Every structure is written in structure tokens, then in C-alpha cells.
Amino acid sequence: WMLFIEKDTDLELYEARKILEVQAAGLAAARADEDEINEMFEALE
């Protein structure tokens, strides 16, 4: 809700994404199964 009503938060959101998604990428590489990898490929297509 705060992100929805606050303005000019794009850069702050990317800072938060670095914290979350960098580690998420590492975990996904270690744990992703074939279906989940295919899901990423479909997004790329």
C-alpha cells in the first residue's frame, strides 16, 4: 500500500530488489526443477 501511494519510489524498489532477487536467483539455480526452468523459458519467449 505504501509503495502504491508513495511517489518516486522506483529507485528504492530496485534497491530492495537487489536484496531480494540476487539471493533468489542463487536459490533458484540450486533448487529449480524442470517445470520451473521451462516457465522461465516461456517468459523469455
All heavy atoms as atom14 arrays in JSON, in Angstrom:
{
  "sequence": "WMLFIEKDTDLELYEARKILEVQAAGLAAARADEDEINEMFEALE",
  "atom14_mask": [
    [1, 1, 1, 1, 1, 1, 1, 1, 1, 1, 1, 1, 1, 1],
    [1, 1, 1, 1, 1, 1, 1, 1, 0, 0, 0, 0, 0, 0],
    [1, 1, 1, 1, 1, 1, 1, 1, 0, 0, 0, 0, 0, 0],
    [1, 1, 1, 1, 1, 1, 1, 1, 1, 1, 1, 0, 0, 0],
    [1, 1, 1, 1, 1, 1, 1, 1, 0, 0, 0, 0, 0, 0],
    [1, 1, 1, 1, 1, 1, 1, 1, 1, 0, 0, 0, 0, 0],
    [1, 1, 1, 1, 1, 1, 1, 1, 1, 0, 0, 0, 0, 0],
    [1, 1, 1, 1, 1, 1, 1, 1, 0, 0, 0, 0, 0, 0],
    [1, 1, 1, 1, 1, 1, 1, 0, 0, 0, 0, 0, 0, 0],
    [1, 1, 1, 1, 1, 1, 1, 1, 0, 0, 0, 0, 0, 0],
    [1, 1, 1, 1, 1, 1, 1, 1, 0, 0, 0, 0, 0, 0],
    [1, 1, 1, 1, 1, 1, 1, 1, 1, 0, 0, 0, 0, 0],
    [1, 1, 1, 1, 1, 1, 1, 1, 0, 0, 0, 0, 0, 0],
    [1, 1, 1, 1, 1, 1, 1, 1, 1, 1, 1, 1, 0, 0],
    [1, 1, 1, 1, 1, 1, 1, 1, 1, 0, 0, 0, 0, 0],
    [1, 1, 1, 1, 1, 0, 0, 0, 0, 0, 0, 0, 0, 0],
    [1, 1, 1, 1, 1, 1, 1, 1, 1, 1, 1, 0, 0, 0],
    [1, 1, 1, 1, 1, 1, 1, 1, 1, 0, 0, 0, 0, 0],
    [1, 1, 1, 1, 1, 1, 1, 1, 0, 0, 0, 0, 0, 0],
    [1, 1, 1, 1, 1, 1, 1, 1, 0, 0, 0, 0, 0, 0],
    [1, 1, 1, 1, 1, 1, 1, 1, 1, 0, 0, 0, 0, 0],
    [1, 1, 1, 1, 1, 1, 1, 0, 0, 0, 0, 0, 0, 0],
    [1, 1, 1, 1, 1, 1, 1, 1, 1, 0, 0, 0, 0, 0],
    [1, 1, 1, 1, 1, 0, 0, 0, 0, 0, 0, 0, 0, 0],
    [1, 1, 1, 1, 1, 0, 0, 0, 0, 0, 0, 0, 0, 0],
    [1, 1, 1, 1, 0, 0, 0, 0, 0, 0, 0, 0, 0, 0],
    [1, 1, 1, 1, 1, 1, 1, 1, 0, 0, 0, 0, 0, 0],
    [1, 1, 1, 1, 1, 0, 0, 0, 0, 0, 0, 0, 0, 0],
    [1, 1, 1, 1, 1, 0, 0, 0, 0, 0, 0, 0, 0, 0],
    [1, 1, 1, 1, 1, 0, 0, 0, 0, 0, 0, 0, 0, 0],
    [1, 1, 1, 1, 1, 1, 1, 1, 1, 1, 1, 0, 0, 0],
    [1, 1, 1, 1, 1, 0, 0, 0, 0, 0, 0, 0, 0, 0],
    [1, 1, 1, 1, 1, 1, 1, 1, 0, 0, 0, 0, 0, 0],
    [1, 1, 1, 1, 1, 1, 1, 1, 1, 0, 0, 0, 0, 0],
    [1, 1, 1, 1, 1, 1, 1, 1, 0, 0, 0, 0, 0, 0],
    [1, 1, 1, 1, 1, 1, 1, 1, 1, 0, 0, 0, 0, 0],
    [1, 1, 1, 1, 1, 1, 1, 1, 0, 0, 0, 0, 0, 0],
    [1, 1, 1, 1, 1, 1, 1, 1, 0, 0, 0, 0, 0, 0],
    [1, 1, 1, 1, 1, 1, 1, 1, 1, 0, 0, 0, 0, 0],
    [1, 1, 1, 1, 1, 1, 1, 1, 0, 0, 0, 0, 0, 0],
    [1, 1, 1, 1, 1, 1, 1, 1, 1, 1, 1, 0, 0, 0],
    [1, 1, 1, 1, 1, 1, 1, 1, 1, 0, 0, 0, 0, 0],
    [1, 1, 1, 1, 1, 0, 0, 0, 0, 0, 0, 0, 0, 0],
    [1, 1, 1, 1, 1, 1, 1, 1, 0, 0, 0, 0, 0, 0],
    [1, 1, 1, 1, 1, 1, 1, 1, 1, 0, 0, 0, 0, 0]
  ],
  "atom14_positions": [
    [[0.84, -1.21, 0.0], [0.0, 0.0, 0.0], [0.87, 1.25, 0.0], [0.59, 2.22, -0.72], [-0.92, -0.02, 1.21], [-1.75, 1.23, 1.37], [-1.65, 2.15, 2.36], [-2.79, 1.68, 0.51], [-2.57, 3.15, 2.17], [-3.28, 2.89, 1.04], [-3.36, 1.18, -0.67], [-4.31, 3.61, 0.44], [-4.38, 1.91, -1.27], [-4.85, 3.09, -0.71]],
    [[1.93, 1.25, 0.79], [2.84, 2.39, 0.84], [3.47, 2.64, -0.52], [3.55, 3.78, -0.99], [3.92, 2.15, 1.9], [4.92, 3.3, 2.05], [6.29, 3.26, 0.86], [7.2, 1.85, 1.45], [0.0, 0.0, 0.0], [0.0, 0.0, 0.0], [0.0, 0.0, 0.0], [0.0, 0.0, 0.0], [0.0, 0.0, 0.0], [0.0, 0.0, 0.0]],
    [[3.91, 1.57, -1.19], [4.53, 1.72, -2.5], [3.53, 2.23, -3.53], [3.9, 2.94, -4.46], [5.1, 0.37, -2.97], [6.35, -0.1, -2.23], [6.68, -1.54, -2.64], [7.53, 0.8, -2.52], [0.0, 0.0, 0.0], [0.0, 0.0, 0.0], [0.0, 0.0, 0.0], [0.0, 0.0, 0.0], [0.0, 0.0, 0.0], [0.0, 0.0, 0.0]],
    [[2.26, 1.88, -3.34], [1.24, 2.33, -4.28], [0.98, 3.82, -4.15], [0.83, 4.53, -5.15], [-0.05, 1.55, -4.02], [-1.2, 1.99, -4.89], [-1.25, 1.62, -6.22], [-2.22, 2.78, -4.37], [-2.3, 2.03, -7.03], [-3.27, 3.2, -5.17], [-3.31, 2.82, -6.5], [0.0, 0.0, 0.0], [0.0, 0.0, 0.0], [0.0, 0.0, 0.0]],
    [[0.94, 4.34, -2.91], [0.59, 5.75, -2.72], [1.79, 6.67, -2.75], [1.67, 7.85, -3.03], [-0.2, 5.96, -1.4], [0.65, 5.56, -0.18], [-1.5, 5.2, -1.42], [-0.03, 5.88, 1.14], [0.0, 0.0, 0.0], [0.0, 0.0, 0.0], [0.0, 0.0, 0.0], [0.0, 0.0, 0.0], [0.0, 0.0, 0.0], [0.0, 0.0, 0.0]],
    [[2.98, 6.14, -2.47], [4.18, 6.98, -2.49], [4.64, 7.2, -3.92], [4.5, 6.34, -4.78], [5.32, 6.32, -1.7], [5.12, 6.34, -0.2], [5.37, 7.7, 0.41], [6.01, 8.55, -0.24], [4.92, 7.92, 1.54], [0.0, 0.0, 0.0], [0.0, 0.0, 0.0], [0.0, 0.0, 0.0], [0.0, 0.0, 0.0], [0.0, 0.0, 0.0]],
    [[5.21, 8.37, -4.17], [5.72, 8.69, -5.5], [7.25, 8.58, -5.49], [7.89, 8.65, -4.46], [5.31, 10.12, -5.9], [3.81, 10.39, -5.81], [3.02, 9.46, -6.73], [1.52, 9.72, -6.65], [0.75, 8.76, -7.44], [0.0, 0.0, 0.0], [0.0, 0.0, 0.0], [0.0, 0.0, 0.0], [0.0, 0.0, 0.0], [0.0, 0.0, 0.0]],
    [[7.8, 8.44, -6.7], [9.26, 8.43, -6.88], [9.95, 7.36, -6.04], [10.97, 7.61, -5.4], [9.86, 9.82, -6.55], [9.23, 10.91, -7.39], [8.99, 10.67, -8.59], [8.99, 12.0, -6.85], [0.0, 0.0, 0.0], [0.0, 0.0, 0.0], [0.0, 0.0, 0.0], [0.0, 0.0, 0.0], [0.0, 0.0, 0.0], [0.0, 0.0, 0.0]],
    [[9.38, 6.15, -6.04], [10.0, 5.07, -5.28], [10.68, 4.04, -6.17], [11.12, 3.0, -5.69], [8.94, 4.34, -4.4], [7.89, 3.88, -5.24], [8.39, 5.26, -3.33], [0.0, 0.0, 0.0], [0.0, 0.0, 0.0], [0.0, 0.0, 0.0], [0.0, 0.0, 0.0], [0.0, 0.0, 0.0], [0.0, 0.0, 0.0], [0.0, 0.0, 0.0]],
    [[10.79, 4.32, -7.47], [11.37, 3.34, -8.39], [12.77, 2.92, -7.96], [13.1, 1.73, -7.93], [11.41, 3.89, -9.81], [10.05, 3.8, -10.5], [9.08, 3.43, -9.81], [9.97, 4.09, -11.7], [0.0, 0.0, 0.0], [0.0, 0.0, 0.0], [0.0, 0.0, 0.0], [0.0, 0.0, 0.0], [0.0, 0.0, 0.0], [0.0, 0.0, 0.0]],
    [[13.61, 3.89, -7.64], [14.99, 3.56, -7.27], [15.04, 2.8, -5.94], [15.85, 1.88, -5.78], [15.84, 4.83, -7.17], [16.16, 5.51, -8.52], [16.98, 6.78, -8.28], [16.92, 4.56, -9.44], [0.0, 0.0, 0.0], [0.0, 0.0, 0.0], [0.0, 0.0, 0.0], [0.0, 0.0, 0.0], [0.0, 0.0, 0.0], [0.0, 0.0, 0.0]],
    [[14.18, 3.15, -5.0], [14.14, 2.44, -3.73], [13.67, 1.0, -3.95], [14.15, 0.08, -3.29], [13.22, 3.16, -2.75], [13.77, 4.52, -2.32], [12.84, 5.23, -1.35], [11.96, 4.57, -0.78], [13.0, 6.45, -1.19], [0.0, 0.0, 0.0], [0.0, 0.0, 0.0], [0.0, 0.0, 0.0], [0.0, 0.0, 0.0], [0.0, 0.0, 0.0]],
    [[12.74, 0.82, -4.88], [12.26, -0.52, -5.18], [13.39, -1.36, -5.78], [13.53, -2.54, -5.44], [11.09, -0.45, -6.15], [10.41, -1.77, -6.52], [9.95, -2.5, -5.27], [9.25, -1.52, -7.45], [0.0, 0.0, 0.0], [0.0, 0.0, 0.0], [0.0, 0.0, 0.0], [0.0, 0.0, 0.0], [0.0, 0.0, 0.0], [0.0, 0.0, 0.0]],
    [[14.21, -0.76, -6.63], [15.33, -1.51, -7.19], [16.38, -1.85, -6.13], [17.02, -2.91, -6.19], [15.96, -0.74, -8.36], [15.31, -1.09, -9.67], [14.25, -0.35, -10.16], [15.7, -2.21, -10.39], [13.61, -0.69, -11.33], [15.07, -2.57, -11.57], [14.03, -1.8, -12.04], [13.39, -2.16, -13.2], [0.0, 0.0, 0.0], [0.0, 0.0, 0.0]],
    [[16.56, -0.98, -5.15], [17.46, -1.31, -4.04], [16.94, -2.53, -3.3], [17.7, -3.45, -2.96], [17.59, -0.12, -3.08], [18.42, 1.03, -3.62], [18.53, 2.17, -2.63], [17.86, 2.11, -1.57], [19.28, 3.12, -2.89], [0.0, 0.0, 0.0], [0.0, 0.0, 0.0], [0.0, 0.0, 0.0], [0.0, 0.0, 0.0], [0.0, 0.0, 0.0]],
    [[15.63, -2.54, -3.04], [15.03, -3.68, -2.34], [15.11, -4.94, -3.19], [15.35, -6.04, -2.68], [13.56, -3.37, -2.01], [0.0, 0.0, 0.0], [0.0, 0.0, 0.0], [0.0, 0.0, 0.0], [0.0, 0.0, 0.0], [0.0, 0.0, 0.0], [0.0, 0.0, 0.0], [0.0, 0.0, 0.0], [0.0, 0.0, 0.0], [0.0, 0.0, 0.0]],
    [[14.93, -4.78, -4.5], [15.01, -5.93, -5.4], [16.42, -6.54, -5.38], [16.55, -7.77, -5.48], [14.63, -5.52, -6.82], [13.15, -5.23, -6.99], [12.84, -4.91, -8.43], [13.04, -6.07, -9.29], [13.01, -6.02, -10.62], [12.81, -4.87, -11.24], [13.18, -7.12, -11.34], [0.0, 0.0, 0.0], [0.0, 0.0, 0.0], [0.0, 0.0, 0.0]],
    [[17.44, -5.7, -5.27], [18.8, -6.24, -5.21], [18.96, -7.15, -3.99], [19.63, -8.19, -4.06], [19.83, -5.11, -5.17], [20.11, -4.48, -6.52], [21.3, -3.53, -6.46], [21.02, -2.33, -5.59], [22.14, -1.36, -5.61], [0.0, 0.0, 0.0], [0.0, 0.0, 0.0], [0.0, 0.0, 0.0], [0.0, 0.0, 0.0], [0.0, 0.0, 0.0]],
    [[18.37, -6.75, -2.88], [18.46, -7.55, -1.67], [17.73, -8.87, -1.85], [18.24, -9.95, -1.51], [17.88, -6.78, -0.47], [18.72, -5.53, -0.21], [17.83, -7.66, 0.78], [18.1, -4.56, 0.78], [0.0, 0.0, 0.0], [0.0, 0.0, 0.0], [0.0, 0.0, 0.0], [0.0, 0.0, 0.0], [0.0, 0.0, 0.0], [0.0, 0.0, 0.0]],
    [[16.52, -8.81, -2.41], [15.68, -10.0, -2.54], [16.07, -10.88, -3.71], [16.25, -12.1, -3.57], [14.22, -9.59, -2.7], [13.5, -9.0, -1.5], [12.12, -8.51, -1.92], [13.36, -10.05, -0.4], [0.0, 0.0, 0.0], [0.0, 0.0, 0.0], [0.0, 0.0, 0.0], [0.0, 0.0, 0.0], [0.0, 0.0, 0.0], [0.0, 0.0, 0.0]],
    [[16.2, -10.28, -4.88], [16.27, -11.08, -6.1], [17.64, -11.64, -6.42], [17.74, -12.64, -7.14], [15.73, -10.26, -7.28], [14.25, -9.95, -7.13], [13.62, -9.5, -8.43], [13.75, -10.22, -9.44], [13.02, -8.42, -8.44], [0.0, 0.0, 0.0], [0.0, 0.0, 0.0], [0.0, 0.0, 0.0], [0.0, 0.0, 0.0], [0.0, 0.0, 0.0]],
    [[18.69, -11.01, -5.93], [20.02, -11.59, -6.15], [20.11, -12.93, -5.43], [20.53, -13.95, -6.0], [21.13, -10.63, -5.67], [22.48, -11.33, -5.67], [21.18, -9.4, -6.58], [0.0, 0.0, 0.0], [0.0, 0.0, 0.0], [0.0, 0.0, 0.0], [0.0, 0.0, 0.0], [0.0, 0.0, 0.0], [0.0, 0.0, 0.0], [0.0, 0.0, 0.0]],
    [[19.68, -12.96, -4.17], [19.69, -14.22, -3.43], [18.66, -15.2, -4.0], [18.9, -16.41, -4.03], [19.39, -13.96, -1.95], [20.46, -13.15, -1.24], [21.83, -13.8, -1.31], [21.96, -15.02, -1.17], [22.86, -13.0, -1.55], [0.0, 0.0, 0.0], [0.0, 0.0, 0.0], [0.0, 0.0, 0.0], [0.0, 0.0, 0.0], [0.0, 0.0, 0.0]],
    [[17.54, -14.66, -4.48], [16.52, -15.53, -5.08], [17.07, -16.24, -6.31], [16.79, -17.43, -6.52], [15.28, -14.71, -5.46], [0.0, 0.0, 0.0], [0.0, 0.0, 0.0], [0.0, 0.0, 0.0], [0.0, 0.0, 0.0], [0.0, 0.0, 0.0], [0.0, 0.0, 0.0], [0.0, 0.0, 0.0], [0.0, 0.0, 0.0], [0.0, 0.0, 0.0]],
    [[17.86, -15.54, -7.11], [18.45, -16.16, -8.3], [19.38, -17.31, -7.9], [19.39, -18.37, -8.55], [19.21, -15.12, -9.11], [0.0, 0.0, 0.0], [0.0, 0.0, 0.0], [0.0, 0.0, 0.0], [0.0, 0.0, 0.0], [0.0, 0.0, 0.0], [0.0, 0.0, 0.0], [0.0, 0.0, 0.0], [0.0, 0.0, 0.0], [0.0, 0.0, 0.0]],
    [[20.16, -17.1, -6.83], [21.04, -18.16, -6.35], [20.28, -19.37, -5.85], [20.64, -20.52, -6.15], [0.0, 0.0, 0.0], [0.0, 0.0, 0.0], [0.0, 0.0, 0.0], [0.0, 0.0, 0.0], [0.0, 0.0, 0.0], [0.0, 0.0, 0.0], [0.0, 0.0, 0.0], [0.0, 0.0, 0.0], [0.0, 0.0, 0.0], [0.0, 0.0, 0.0]],
    [[19.2, -19.12, -5.11], [18.38, -20.23, -4.61], [17.68, -20.95, -5.76], [17.59, -22.19, -5.76], [17.33, -19.69, -3.63], [17.83, -19.24, -2.26], [16.7, -18.61, -1.46], [18.43, -20.41, -1.48], [0.0, 0.0, 0.0], [0.0, 0.0, 0.0], [0.0, 0.0, 0.0], [0.0, 0.0, 0.0], [0.0, 0.0, 0.0], [0.0, 0.0, 0.0]],
    [[17.19, -20.19, -6.74], [16.51, -20.8, -7.88], [17.47, -21.69, -8.66], [17.09, -22.78, -9.11], [15.93, -19.72, -8.79], [0.0, 0.0, 0.0], [0.0, 0.0, 0.0], [0.0, 0.0, 0.0], [0.0, 0.0, 0.0], [0.0, 0.0, 0.0], [0.0, 0.0, 0.0], [0.0, 0.0, 0.0], [0.0, 0.0, 0.0], [0.0, 0.0, 0.0]],
    [[18.72, -21.24, -8.81], [19.71, -22.05, -9.53], [19.95, -23.37, -8.81], [20.17, -24.41, -9.44], [21.01, -21.27, -9.68], [0.0, 0.0, 0.0], [0.0, 0.0, 0.0], [0.0, 0.0, 0.0], [0.0, 0.0, 0.0], [0.0, 0.0, 0.0], [0.0, 0.0, 0.0], [0.0, 0.0, 0.0], [0.0, 0.0, 0.0], [0.0, 0.0, 0.0]],
    [[19.9, -23.34, -7.5], [20.15, -24.56, -6.72], [18.93, -25.47, -6.65], [19.07, -26.7, -6.54], [20.58, -24.18, -5.3], [0.0, 0.0, 0.0], [0.0, 0.0, 0.0], [0.0, 0.0, 0.0], [0.0, 0.0, 0.0], [0.0, 0.0, 0.0], [0.0, 0.0, 0.0], [0.0, 0.0, 0.0], [0.0, 0.0, 0.0], [0.0, 0.0, 0.0]],
    [[17.71, -24.88, -6.75], [16.51, -25.66, -6.44], [15.52, -25.84, -7.58], [14.62, -26.68, -7.47], [15.78, -24.98, -5.27], [16.61, -24.86, -4.01], [15.9, -24.03, -2.95], [16.68, -23.93, -1.72], [16.33, -23.19, -0.68], [15.2, -22.49, -0.71], [17.1, -23.14, 0.4], [0.0, 0.0, 0.0], [0.0, 0.0, 0.0], [0.0, 0.0, 0.0]],
    [[15.64, -25.08, -8.66], [14.62, -25.1, -9.72], [14.5, -26.49, -10.35], [15.51, -27.13, -10.66], [14.96, -24.07, -10.79], [0.0, 0.0, 0.0], [0.0, 0.0, 0.0], [0.0, 0.0, 0.0], [0.0, 0.0, 0.0], [0.0, 0.0, 0.0], [0.0, 0.0, 0.0], [0.0, 0.0, 0.0], [0.0, 0.0, 0.0], [0.0, 0.0, 0.0]],
    [[13.26, -26.93, -10.54], [13.05, -28.19, -11.25], [12.79, -27.89, -12.73], [12.78, -26.73, -13.16], [11.89, -28.98, -10.63], [10.57, -28.22, -10.64], [10.34, -27.43, -11.57], [9.77, -28.42, -9.71], [0.0, 0.0, 0.0], [0.0, 0.0, 0.0], [0.0, 0.0, 0.0], [0.0, 0.0, 0.0], [0.0, 0.0, 0.0], [0.0, 0.0, 0.0]],
    [[12.58, -28.93, -13.51], [12.46, -28.77, -14.97], [11.27, -27.9, -15.35], [11.36, -27.06, -16.25], [12.32, -30.15, -15.62], [12.35, -30.11, -17.14], [12.32, -31.49, -17.76], [12.52, -32.48, -17.03], [12.1, -31.57, -18.99], [0.0, 0.0, 0.0], [0.0, 0.0, 0.0], [0.0, 0.0, 0.0], [0.0, 0.0, 0.0], [0.0, 0.0, 0.0]],
    [[10.14, -28.08, -14.67], [8.94, -27.29, -14.98], [9.18, -25.81, -14.71], [8.73, -24.94, -15.48], [7.75, -27.77, -14.14], [7.22, -29.11, -14.62], [7.52, -29.48, -15.77], [6.52, -29.78, -13.85], [0.0, 0.0, 0.0], [0.0, 0.0, 0.0], [0.0, 0.0, 0.0], [0.0, 0.0, 0.0], [0.0, 0.0, 0.0], [0.0, 0.0, 0.0]],
    [[9.87, -25.5, -13.62], [10.12, -24.1, -13.27], [11.11, -23.46, -14.25], [10.97, -22.27, -14.6], [10.64, -24.02, -11.84], [9.56, -24.34, -10.82], [10.09, -24.77, -9.46], [11.3, -25.09, -9.36], [9.31, -24.79, -8.49], [0.0, 0.0, 0.0], [0.0, 0.0, 0.0], [0.0, 0.0, 0.0], [0.0, 0.0, 0.0], [0.0, 0.0, 0.0]],
    [[12.08, -24.22, -14.69], [13.02, -23.71, -15.7], [12.28, -23.47, -17.02], [12.52, -22.46, -17.7], [14.19, -24.7, -15.89], [15.07, -24.69, -14.63], [15.03, -24.32, -17.12], [16.15, -25.74, -14.61], [0.0, 0.0, 0.0], [0.0, 0.0, 0.0], [0.0, 0.0, 0.0], [0.0, 0.0, 0.0], [0.0, 0.0, 0.0], [0.0, 0.0, 0.0]],
    [[11.36, -24.35, -17.36], [10.55, -24.17, -18.56], [9.67, -22.92, -18.46], [9.44, -22.23, -19.45], [9.66, -25.39, -18.81], [10.46, -26.58, -19.32], [11.55, -26.42, -19.87], [9.92, -27.78, -19.12], [0.0, 0.0, 0.0], [0.0, 0.0, 0.0], [0.0, 0.0, 0.0], [0.0, 0.0, 0.0], [0.0, 0.0, 0.0], [0.0, 0.0, 0.0]],
    [[9.19, -22.64, -17.25], [8.37, -21.45, -17.02], [9.19, -20.18, -17.3], [8.68, -19.23, -17.92], [7.86, -21.45, -15.57], [6.83, -20.38, -15.28], [6.29, -20.47, -13.87], [6.82, -21.25, -13.07], [5.32, -19.74, -13.56], [0.0, 0.0, 0.0], [0.0, 0.0, 0.0], [0.0, 0.0, 0.0], [0.0, 0.0, 0.0], [0.0, 0.0, 0.0]],
    [[10.44, -20.17, -16.87], [11.32, -19.02, -17.18], [11.57, -18.9, -18.67], [11.59, -17.79, -19.22], [12.66, -19.19, -16.43], [12.56, -19.12, -14.94], [14.15, -19.5, -14.14], [13.58, -20.34, -12.67], [0.0, 0.0, 0.0], [0.0, 0.0, 0.0], [0.0, 0.0, 0.0], [0.0, 0.0, 0.0], [0.0, 0.0, 0.0], [0.0, 0.0, 0.0]],
    [[11.75, -20.05, -19.34], [11.99, -20.04, -20.78], [10.77, -19.48, -21.52], [10.92, -18.71, -22.49], [12.29, -21.46, -21.27], [12.56, -21.53, -22.75], [13.78, -21.1, -23.27], [11.6, -22.02, -23.61], [14.02, -21.16, -24.64], [11.83, -22.08, -24.98], [13.05, -21.65, -25.5], [0.0, 0.0, 0.0], [0.0, 0.0, 0.0], [0.0, 0.0, 0.0]],
    [[9.57, -19.85, -21.08], [8.35, -19.34, -21.7], [8.28, -17.81, -21.56], [7.88, -17.12, -22.51], [7.13, -19.97, -21.04], [6.93, -21.44, -21.39], [5.84, -22.09, -20.57], [5.13, -21.35, -19.84], [5.69, -23.32, -20.65], [0.0, 0.0, 0.0], [0.0, 0.0, 0.0], [0.0, 0.0, 0.0], [0.0, 0.0, 0.0], [0.0, 0.0, 0.0]],
    [[8.68, -17.3, -20.41], [8.7, -15.84, -20.22], [9.68, -15.19, -21.18], [9.41, -14.12, -21.75], [9.07, -15.51, -18.77], [0.0, 0.0, 0.0], [0.0, 0.0, 0.0], [0.0, 0.0, 0.0], [0.0, 0.0, 0.0], [0.0, 0.0, 0.0], [0.0, 0.0, 0.0], [0.0, 0.0, 0.0], [0.0, 0.0, 0.0], [0.0, 0.0, 0.0]],
    [[10.82, -15.83, -21.38], [11.81, -15.3, -22.31], [11.29, -15.29, -23.74], [11.57, -14.35, -24.51], [13.1, -16.13, -22.24], [14.05, -15.85, -21.09], [15.2, -16.85, -21.11], [14.6, -14.43, -21.15], [0.0, 0.0, 0.0], [0.0, 0.0, 0.0], [0.0, 0.0, 0.0], [0.0, 0.0, 0.0], [0.0, 0.0, 0.0], [0.0, 0.0, 0.0]],
    [[10.54, -16.32, -24.12], [9.99, -16.38, -25.47], [8.99, -15.25, -25.7], [8.94, -14.65, -26.78], [9.32, -17.74, -25.71], [10.31, -18.87, -25.91], [11.2, -18.63, -27.13], [10.69, -18.68, -28.26], [12.41, -18.37, -26.94], [0.0, 0.0, 0.0], [0.0, 0.0, 0.0], [0.0, 0.0, 0.0], [0.0, 0.0, 0.0], [0.0, 0.0, 0.0]]
  ]
}
